[in-house]
Amino acid sequence: MKILIIGKNSRITQFLKEYLDKDFSILVKNYSELINKNSSYFEKFKFIINCTSNKKYVNSPYDVSNDNDYKIAKKIIKLNTSYIFLSTRKVYKPRENCKETDKLKPLCNYSKNKLITENKLKKIIKNRLLILRISNVIGITKKKSKKKLHETFIDVFFKNIKRGIIIKNHKIFKDFVSSKNLGQLVSKLIKVNARGTYNLSIGKKIYLDQVVQWLNFYNPNSYKIISSNKFNLNKDSFFLNNNKILKKTKIKLSILNLRLECKKISKKYFLTK
């Protein structure tokens, strides 16, 4: 089975390739290398996963000219190639136990655009579409991404720790998934030929102060704790219901695995020079 991943510099590409390489034939290309290709080029791929985006898609109201996924999907309308769309948990209103069937309420341009793309792809790809509403991914890549459209939770943590501060989050909780579990889940979904929409997360209420403690585990340096109330941070709390993806993949996820992943990252960051 041959799989095309779009986005050589994407951190998600690096996470996926590490695990998909074990079971599939993977080709990674940049979006700029593909956008002018004819539809026939994509016939050899069983699945396409686009890990690219652009600043206008992230920050501005929807414009089809900024929608990389839609442009690629248009090229495979008449093919048998399937498409994996990486959406976001932000299409939901922040709350506990968000299900795939819940009423959607995206609040920012990025999440609104993702939902518009979801609906466009459903019309043109139809039963060859797999939509993954992904939560916060915990992981570090072997090589640094040249361009970052988003600051991840880990980005913010390490940026602050370089300044000698840690943010106290006052019982704010969110949902996470380790880069390892991300790769495992996507690999299994491909193997079982899954279609439809799935929440991809650990499906647990994880307090941010817990994650900070795990990521800071091997820090030998002193630091100052500052209340998040002094910063203009996103204080929304949420977690996703992941029963559907667990039932489909039969993969077991746990907070213990997430904690071990965070400590592994901490050790690599603080003790490996």
Protein backbone atom coordinates (compact mmCIF):
# COMPACT_ATOMS: atom_id res chain seq x y z
CA MET A 1 0.00 0.00 0.00
CA LYS A 2 1.50 3.31 -1.09
CA ILE A 3 0.78 6.47 0.92
CA LEU A 4 1.55 10.07 -0.01
CA ILE A 5 2.23 12.50 2.85
CA ILE A 6 2.34 16.17 1.87
CA GLY A 7 4.60 18.52 3.83
CA LYS A 8 8.30 17.69 4.23
CA ASN A 9 8.85 20.27 6.97
CA SER A 10 5.71 19.53 8.98
CA ARG A 11 6.13 18.20 12.51
CA ILE A 12 3.02 16.04 12.00
CA THR A 13 4.64 14.54 8.90
CA GLN A 14 7.65 13.56 11.00
CA PHE A 15 5.44 11.97 13.66
CA LEU A 16 3.39 10.02 11.11
CA LYS A 17 6.30 8.90 8.96
CA GLU A 18 8.09 7.36 11.95
CA TYR A 19 5.21 4.91 12.49
CA LEU A 20 3.74 4.51 9.00
CA ASP A 21 7.17 3.63 7.59
CA LYS A 22 6.99 0.34 9.50
CA ASP A 23 4.00 -0.98 7.56
CA PHE A 24 3.55 1.04 4.38
CA SER A 25 5.41 2.46 1.40
CA ILE A 26 5.62 6.18 2.20
CA LEU A 27 6.43 9.05 -0.15
CA VAL A 28 6.79 12.54 1.31
CA LYS A 29 6.46 15.57 -0.98
CA ASN A 30 6.09 19.29 -0.52
CA TYR A 31 2.80 20.89 -1.50
CA SER A 32 4.60 23.06 -4.09
CA GLU A 33 5.84 19.89 -5.83
CA LEU A 34 2.30 18.55 -6.26
CA ILE A 35 -0.10 21.39 -6.88
CA ASN A 36 0.62 21.48 -10.62
CA LYS A 37 0.62 17.69 -11.08
CA ASN A 38 -2.09 16.08 -13.20
CA SER A 39 -4.65 13.79 -11.56
CA SER A 40 -2.92 10.75 -13.07
CA TYR A 41 0.07 11.31 -10.78
CA PHE A 42 -2.06 10.51 -7.71
CA GLU A 43 -3.48 7.22 -9.06
CA LYS A 44 -0.66 5.15 -7.58
CA PHE A 45 -1.48 6.15 -4.00
CA LYS A 46 -4.01 4.36 -1.82
CA PHE A 47 -4.12 7.22 0.72
CA ILE A 48 -3.11 10.88 0.72
CA ILE A 49 -2.45 12.79 3.95
CA ASN A 50 -1.93 16.54 3.74
CA CYS A 51 0.04 18.02 6.67
CA THR A 52 0.42 21.50 5.18
CA SER A 53 -1.45 24.76 5.61
CA ASN A 54 -0.68 28.46 5.26
CA LYS A 55 -0.92 31.62 7.34
CA LYS A 56 -3.95 32.98 5.53
CA TYR A 57 -5.88 29.75 6.12
CA VAL A 58 -4.96 29.84 9.81
CA ASN A 59 -5.55 33.52 10.49
CA SER A 60 -8.05 34.84 7.93
CA PRO A 61 -11.69 34.13 7.01
CA TYR A 62 -12.18 31.27 4.55
CA ASP A 63 -11.00 31.72 0.99
CA VAL A 64 -10.83 28.69 -1.28
CA SER A 65 -7.54 29.96 -2.71
CA ASN A 66 -5.93 29.31 0.71
CA ASP A 67 -7.33 25.79 1.10
CA ASN A 68 -4.54 23.29 0.31
CA ASP A 69 -6.70 20.28 1.14
CA TYR A 70 -9.50 21.30 -1.20
CA LYS A 71 -7.07 21.87 -4.08
CA ILE A 72 -5.46 18.45 -3.65
CA ALA A 73 -8.80 16.71 -3.15
CA LYS A 74 -10.13 18.19 -6.40
CA LYS A 75 -7.39 16.32 -8.23
CA ILE A 76 -8.57 12.90 -7.00
CA ILE A 77 -12.34 13.25 -7.47
CA LYS A 78 -12.43 10.59 -10.19
CA LEU A 79 -9.78 8.32 -8.67
CA ASN A 80 -10.00 5.51 -6.11
CA THR A 81 -7.47 7.27 -3.90
CA SER A 82 -8.66 7.96 -0.35
CA TYR A 83 -7.99 11.16 1.57
CA ILE A 84 -7.13 11.67 5.24
CA PHE A 85 -8.04 15.18 6.40
CA LEU A 86 -6.33 16.43 9.55
CA SER A 87 -8.96 18.60 11.22
CA THR A 88 -8.98 20.04 14.73
CA ARG A 89 -10.77 19.57 18.03
CA LYS A 90 -11.44 23.33 17.90
CA VAL A 91 -14.51 22.72 15.73
CA TYR A 92 -16.28 21.88 19.04
CA LYS A 93 -17.43 24.28 21.69
CA PRO A 94 -14.96 23.87 24.59
CA ARG A 95 -16.54 21.44 27.06
CA GLU A 96 -16.14 17.96 28.49
CA ASN A 97 -16.72 14.75 26.53
CA CYS A 98 -17.11 16.23 23.01
CA LYS A 99 -18.51 13.61 20.62
CA GLU A 100 -18.31 13.43 16.84
CA THR A 101 -22.09 13.83 16.69
CA ASP A 102 -22.18 16.98 18.86
CA LYS A 103 -23.30 20.31 17.49
CA LEU A 104 -20.22 22.15 16.22
CA LYS A 105 -19.24 25.66 17.21
CA PRO A 106 -15.85 26.79 15.88
CA LEU A 107 -14.82 30.09 17.43
CA CYS A 108 -11.68 31.18 15.53
CA ASN A 109 -10.86 31.60 11.84
CA TYR A 110 -8.71 28.47 11.84
CA SER A 111 -11.41 26.17 13.24
CA LYS A 112 -14.12 27.77 11.09
CA ASN A 113 -11.97 27.17 8.02
CA LYS A 114 -11.32 23.56 9.03
CA LEU A 115 -15.04 22.92 9.33
CA ILE A 116 -15.73 24.50 5.94
CA THR A 117 -13.05 22.25 4.42
CA GLU A 118 -14.54 19.19 6.15
CA ASN A 119 -17.89 19.89 4.50
CA LYS A 120 -16.37 20.61 1.09
CA LEU A 121 -14.38 17.37 1.16
CA LYS A 122 -17.46 15.35 2.14
CA LYS A 123 -19.12 16.52 -1.07
CA ILE A 124 -16.25 15.80 -3.45
CA ILE A 125 -14.47 12.81 -1.82
CA LYS A 126 -17.58 11.26 -0.24
CA ASN A 127 -16.99 7.67 0.93
CA ARG A 128 -13.21 7.86 0.41
CA LEU A 129 -12.71 10.42 3.18
CA LEU A 130 -11.33 9.99 6.69
CA ILE A 131 -11.59 13.08 8.93
CA LEU A 132 -9.49 13.19 12.10
CA ARG A 133 -10.32 15.86 14.68
CA ILE A 134 -6.99 15.96 16.46
CA SER A 135 -6.31 17.24 19.94
CA ASN A 136 -3.02 18.72 21.24
CA VAL A 137 -0.10 16.55 20.09
CA ILE A 138 2.73 15.99 22.59
CA GLY A 139 6.03 15.21 20.94
CA ILE A 140 9.29 16.64 19.65
CA THR A 141 10.77 16.05 16.22
CA LYS A 142 14.27 14.97 15.28
CA LYS A 143 14.68 18.08 13.20
CA LYS A 144 13.17 21.49 13.84
CA SER A 145 10.44 22.70 11.52
CA LYS A 146 11.52 25.67 9.45
CA LYS A 147 8.06 27.23 9.51
CA LYS A 148 5.54 27.04 12.34
CA LEU A 149 1.99 28.22 11.82
CA HIS A 150 0.99 27.31 15.38
CA GLU A 151 2.63 27.50 18.78
CA THR A 152 2.00 24.17 20.44
CA PHE A 153 1.72 23.58 24.18
CA ILE A 154 5.28 22.24 24.20
CA ASP A 155 6.53 25.28 22.26
CA VAL A 156 5.07 27.59 24.89
CA PHE A 157 6.44 25.51 27.78
CA PHE A 158 10.03 25.47 26.47
CA LYS A 159 9.90 29.13 25.46
CA ASN A 160 8.92 30.01 29.03
CA ILE A 161 11.41 27.67 30.66
CA LYS A 162 14.23 29.34 28.71
CA ARG A 163 13.13 32.56 30.43
CA GLY A 164 13.20 30.77 33.78
CA ILE A 165 9.43 30.75 34.34
CA ILE A 166 6.63 28.21 34.58
CA ILE A 167 2.97 29.14 34.18
CA LYS A 168 0.54 27.97 36.88
CA ASN A 169 -2.71 27.06 35.10
CA HIS A 170 -5.31 27.02 37.92
CA LYS A 171 -7.16 23.78 37.16
CA ILE A 172 -7.35 24.34 33.41
CA PHE A 173 -7.60 20.99 31.65
CA LYS A 174 -7.33 19.92 28.04
CA ASP A 175 -6.97 16.74 26.02
CA PHE A 176 -3.71 15.48 24.52
CA VAL A 177 -2.30 12.68 22.42
CA SER A 178 1.33 11.60 22.23
CA SER A 179 3.11 11.61 18.87
CA LYS A 180 3.52 7.84 19.29
CA ASN A 181 -0.21 7.28 19.78
CA LEU A 182 -0.97 9.61 16.86
CA GLY A 183 1.16 7.45 14.57
CA GLN A 184 -0.27 4.20 15.95
CA LEU A 185 -3.88 5.31 15.56
CA VAL A 186 -3.47 6.63 12.02
CA SER A 187 -1.61 3.46 11.00
CA LYS A 188 -4.37 1.25 12.38
CA LEU A 189 -7.14 3.33 10.78
CA ILE A 190 -5.43 2.89 7.41
CA LYS A 191 -5.08 -0.86 7.93
CA VAL A 192 -8.80 -1.27 8.70
CA ASN A 193 -9.71 1.06 5.80
CA ALA A 194 -11.61 3.41 8.11
CA ARG A 195 -13.87 6.15 6.76
CA GLY A 196 -15.90 8.89 8.41
CA THR A 197 -15.08 11.26 11.27
CA TYR A 198 -13.08 10.38 14.39
CA ASN A 199 -11.86 12.25 17.44
CA LEU A 200 -8.17 11.52 17.87
CA SER A 201 -7.03 12.08 21.45
CA ILE A 202 -6.34 10.30 24.71
CA GLY A 203 -9.93 11.07 25.70
CA LYS A 204 -9.06 12.07 29.25
CA LYS A 205 -9.20 15.22 31.35
CA ILE A 206 -5.54 16.24 31.68
CA TYR A 207 -4.72 19.21 33.89
CA LEU A 208 -2.10 21.46 32.33
CA ASP A 209 -0.11 21.67 35.55
CA GLN A 210 0.30 17.87 35.37
CA VAL A 211 1.77 18.09 31.87
CA VAL A 212 4.06 20.94 32.92
CA GLN A 213 5.29 18.86 35.87
CA TRP A 214 6.08 15.91 33.57
CA LEU A 215 7.83 18.08 30.97
CA ASN A 216 9.86 19.76 33.71
CA PHE A 217 10.83 16.50 35.42
CA TYR A 218 14.53 16.56 34.46
CA ASN A 219 15.02 20.32 34.69
CA PRO A 220 18.09 20.96 36.90
CA ASN A 221 17.66 24.73 36.86
CA SER A 222 15.74 27.06 39.17
CA TYR A 223 12.59 28.75 37.87
CA LYS A 224 9.82 31.10 38.91
CA ILE A 225 6.13 30.13 38.95
CA ILE A 226 3.80 32.80 37.54
CA SER A 227 0.00 32.71 37.52
CA SER A 228 -1.64 32.30 34.10
CA ASN A 229 -3.97 35.14 35.13
CA LYS A 230 -1.15 37.52 34.28
CA PHE A 231 -1.12 36.37 30.66
CA ASN A 232 -3.61 36.55 27.82
CA LEU A 233 -3.77 32.77 27.40
CA ASN A 234 -6.45 30.42 26.13
CA LYS A 235 -8.09 29.22 29.34
CA ASP A 236 -10.75 27.00 27.71
CA SER A 237 -11.05 23.53 29.24
CA PHE A 238 -12.16 20.50 27.24
CA PHE A 239 -11.66 16.85 26.47
CA LEU A 240 -12.88 14.66 23.63
CA ASN A 241 -14.85 11.46 23.66
CA ASN A 242 -12.62 8.97 21.82
CA ASN A 243 -14.78 5.84 22.15
CA LYS A 244 -15.35 5.64 18.40
CA ILE A 245 -11.66 5.52 17.46
CA LEU A 246 -10.81 3.08 20.27
CA LYS A 247 -13.57 0.73 19.14
CA LYS A 248 -12.36 0.92 15.54
CA THR A 249 -8.63 0.46 16.23
CA LYS A 250 -8.65 -1.68 19.41
CA ILE A 251 -5.67 0.39 20.63
CA LYS A 252 -5.42 1.10 24.35
CA LEU A 253 -4.47 4.61 25.44
CA SER A 254 -3.59 5.75 28.94
CA ILE A 255 -2.46 8.77 30.92
CA LEU A 256 0.55 6.69 32.01
CA ASN A 257 1.78 6.48 28.40
CA LEU A 258 1.37 10.24 28.00
CA ARG A 259 3.31 10.86 31.21
CA LEU A 260 6.14 8.60 30.06
CA GLU A 261 6.25 10.40 26.72
CA CYS A 262 6.48 13.78 28.47
CA LYS A 263 9.30 12.58 30.73
CA LYS A 264 11.12 11.19 27.70
CA ILE A 265 10.88 14.63 26.08
CA SER A 266 12.05 16.27 29.31
CA LYS A 267 15.08 14.01 29.54
CA LYS A 268 16.03 14.64 25.92
CA TYR A 269 15.63 18.41 26.26
CA PHE A 270 17.34 18.97 29.61
CA LEU A 271 19.96 16.21 29.76
CA THR A 272 20.99 15.75 26.11
CA LYS A 273 23.32 18.40 24.77
